[in-house]
N, C-alpha and C. Protein backbone atom coordinates (compact mmCIF):
# COMPACT_ATOMS: atom_id res chain seq x y z
N MET A 1 -0.98 15.32 -0.03
CA MET A 1 -1.86 14.77 -1.04
C MET A 1 -1.41 13.34 -1.35
N ARG A 2 -2.36 12.44 -1.40
CA ARG A 2 -2.06 11.04 -1.70
C ARG A 2 -2.36 10.74 -3.16
N LEU A 3 -1.49 9.93 -3.74
CA LEU A 3 -1.64 9.50 -5.12
C LEU A 3 -2.01 8.02 -5.12
N LEU A 4 -3.07 7.66 -5.82
CA LEU A 4 -3.46 6.26 -5.91
C LEU A 4 -2.49 5.53 -6.83
N GLU A 5 -1.79 4.53 -6.28
CA GLU A 5 -0.81 3.77 -7.05
C GLU A 5 -1.43 2.51 -7.65
N GLU A 6 -2.18 1.76 -6.84
CA GLU A 6 -2.81 0.51 -7.28
C GLU A 6 -4.16 0.38 -6.59
N ASN A 7 -5.08 -0.32 -7.27
CA ASN A 7 -6.41 -0.55 -6.72
C ASN A 7 -6.78 -2.01 -6.97
N TYR A 8 -7.12 -2.73 -5.91
CA TYR A 8 -7.51 -4.13 -6.01
C TYR A 8 -8.93 -4.34 -5.50
N GLY A 9 -9.79 -3.39 -5.70
CA GLY A 9 -11.17 -3.50 -5.22
C GLY A 9 -11.26 -3.11 -3.76
N ASP A 10 -11.07 -4.08 -2.85
CA ASP A 10 -11.15 -3.81 -1.42
C ASP A 10 -9.85 -3.30 -0.83
N VAL A 11 -8.80 -3.25 -1.64
CA VAL A 11 -7.49 -2.79 -1.16
C VAL A 11 -6.97 -1.71 -2.10
N GLN A 12 -6.51 -0.62 -1.52
CA GLN A 12 -5.94 0.47 -2.32
C GLN A 12 -4.56 0.81 -1.77
N ILE A 13 -3.63 1.09 -2.70
CA ILE A 13 -2.28 1.50 -2.33
C ILE A 13 -2.11 2.95 -2.76
N PHE A 14 -1.82 3.82 -1.80
CA PHE A 14 -1.58 5.23 -2.05
C PHE A 14 -0.13 5.56 -1.73
N SER A 15 0.36 6.65 -2.31
CA SER A 15 1.68 7.14 -1.93
C SER A 15 1.59 8.63 -1.63
N ASP A 16 2.48 9.08 -0.75
CA ASP A 16 2.65 10.50 -0.51
C ASP A 16 4.13 10.75 -0.25
N ARG A 17 4.50 12.01 -0.18
CA ARG A 17 5.91 12.38 -0.01
C ARG A 17 6.00 13.52 1.02
N PRO A 18 5.82 13.20 2.31
CA PRO A 18 5.74 14.28 3.30
C PRO A 18 7.08 14.92 3.66
N PHE A 19 8.15 14.17 3.68
CA PHE A 19 9.45 14.69 4.12
C PHE A 19 10.53 14.49 3.07
N GLY A 20 10.14 14.41 1.79
CA GLY A 20 11.11 14.23 0.72
C GLY A 20 11.30 12.79 0.29
N TYR A 21 10.77 11.84 1.04
CA TYR A 21 10.81 10.44 0.63
C TYR A 21 9.39 9.90 0.60
N LYS A 22 9.17 8.91 -0.25
CA LYS A 22 7.82 8.38 -0.41
C LYS A 22 7.44 7.47 0.75
N ARG A 23 6.16 7.50 1.05
CA ARG A 23 5.55 6.52 1.95
C ARG A 23 4.39 5.90 1.19
N TYR A 24 4.20 4.61 1.39
CA TYR A 24 3.09 3.90 0.76
C TYR A 24 2.08 3.54 1.84
N HIS A 25 0.83 3.87 1.58
CA HIS A 25 -0.27 3.59 2.50
C HIS A 25 -1.16 2.53 1.86
N VAL A 26 -1.38 1.43 2.57
CA VAL A 26 -2.26 0.36 2.10
C VAL A 26 -3.52 0.41 2.96
N GLU A 27 -4.66 0.59 2.31
CA GLU A 27 -5.93 0.66 3.02
C GLU A 27 -6.79 -0.54 2.65
N TRP A 28 -7.18 -1.30 3.67
CA TRP A 28 -8.02 -2.49 3.51
C TRP A 28 -9.44 -2.10 3.87
N LYS A 29 -10.33 -2.09 2.88
CA LYS A 29 -11.71 -1.63 3.11
C LYS A 29 -12.55 -2.64 3.87
N HIS A 30 -12.26 -3.94 3.75
CA HIS A 30 -13.12 -4.95 4.37
C HIS A 30 -13.08 -4.89 5.90
N ASP A 31 -11.96 -4.46 6.49
CA ASP A 31 -11.91 -4.34 7.95
C ASP A 31 -11.50 -2.95 8.43
N GLY A 32 -11.24 -2.04 7.49
CA GLY A 32 -10.92 -0.66 7.84
C GLY A 32 -9.50 -0.43 8.32
N SER A 33 -8.64 -1.44 8.21
CA SER A 33 -7.27 -1.27 8.68
C SER A 33 -6.40 -0.62 7.61
N SER A 34 -5.25 -0.14 8.04
CA SER A 34 -4.30 0.46 7.10
C SER A 34 -2.88 0.14 7.55
N GLN A 35 -1.97 0.17 6.59
CA GLN A 35 -0.56 -0.07 6.85
C GLN A 35 0.24 1.01 6.14
N MET A 36 1.42 1.33 6.68
CA MET A 36 2.28 2.32 6.07
C MET A 36 3.67 1.71 5.87
N TYR A 37 4.22 1.90 4.66
CA TYR A 37 5.55 1.40 4.32
C TYR A 37 6.40 2.58 3.85
N SER A 38 7.60 2.68 4.36
CA SER A 38 8.52 3.73 3.95
C SER A 38 9.32 3.28 2.74
N SER A 39 9.51 4.19 1.77
CA SER A 39 10.29 3.84 0.58
C SER A 39 11.78 3.72 0.89
N ILE A 40 12.18 4.10 2.09
CA ILE A 40 13.56 3.88 2.50
C ILE A 40 13.84 2.38 2.57
N TRP A 41 12.85 1.60 3.02
CA TRP A 41 13.01 0.16 3.17
C TRP A 41 12.24 -0.65 2.15
N TYR A 42 11.14 -0.12 1.61
CA TYR A 42 10.28 -0.86 0.70
C TYR A 42 10.11 -0.12 -0.61
N LYS A 43 10.39 -0.77 -1.71
CA LYS A 43 10.12 -0.21 -3.03
C LYS A 43 8.65 -0.48 -3.38
N LYS A 44 8.14 0.24 -4.35
CA LYS A 44 6.74 0.10 -4.76
C LYS A 44 6.42 -1.34 -5.14
N GLU A 45 7.31 -1.99 -5.88
CA GLU A 45 7.07 -3.36 -6.32
C GLU A 45 6.96 -4.32 -5.14
N LYS A 46 7.75 -4.09 -4.09
CA LYS A 46 7.70 -4.95 -2.90
C LYS A 46 6.38 -4.76 -2.15
N VAL A 47 5.91 -3.53 -2.05
CA VAL A 47 4.63 -3.27 -1.38
C VAL A 47 3.50 -3.96 -2.16
N ILE A 48 3.53 -3.85 -3.48
CA ILE A 48 2.52 -4.51 -4.32
C ILE A 48 2.58 -6.02 -4.12
N GLN A 49 3.79 -6.58 -4.06
CA GLN A 49 3.94 -8.02 -3.86
C GLN A 49 3.38 -8.45 -2.50
N ILE A 50 3.63 -7.67 -1.46
CA ILE A 50 3.11 -7.98 -0.13
C ILE A 50 1.58 -7.99 -0.15
N VAL A 51 0.98 -7.00 -0.78
CA VAL A 51 -0.48 -6.91 -0.85
C VAL A 51 -1.05 -8.08 -1.66
N GLU A 52 -0.46 -8.37 -2.82
CA GLU A 52 -0.95 -9.48 -3.64
C GLU A 52 -0.81 -10.81 -2.92
N ASP A 53 0.30 -11.04 -2.23
CA ASP A 53 0.48 -12.27 -1.47
C ASP A 53 -0.55 -12.40 -0.36
N THR A 54 -0.86 -11.29 0.31
CA THR A 54 -1.87 -11.30 1.36
C THR A 54 -3.26 -11.59 0.79
N LEU A 55 -3.57 -11.01 -0.36
CA LEU A 55 -4.87 -11.27 -1.00
C LEU A 55 -5.00 -12.73 -1.40
N ILE A 56 -3.93 -13.31 -1.93
CA ILE A 56 -3.96 -14.72 -2.33
C ILE A 56 -4.11 -15.61 -1.11
N ARG A 57 -3.38 -15.31 -0.04
CA ARG A 57 -3.41 -16.11 1.18
C ARG A 57 -4.79 -16.05 1.85
N ASN A 58 -5.47 -14.91 1.74
CA ASN A 58 -6.76 -14.74 2.41
C ASN A 58 -7.96 -15.11 1.54
N SER A 59 -7.73 -15.50 0.29
CA SER A 59 -8.88 -15.83 -0.57
C SER A 59 -9.23 -17.29 -0.53
């Protein structure tokens, strides 16, 4: 089950915990792509920062 962490309109950040550690899924609606970040290497705040920086760079 995925939990919605953040919503930026065309971009949504979900989390799940399949093997005891969190994974963050970023779904980009404008082109249908998605990215996955492991909480072993990326904290929630870092994933949010990556998404916000990408949105700023692409606007």
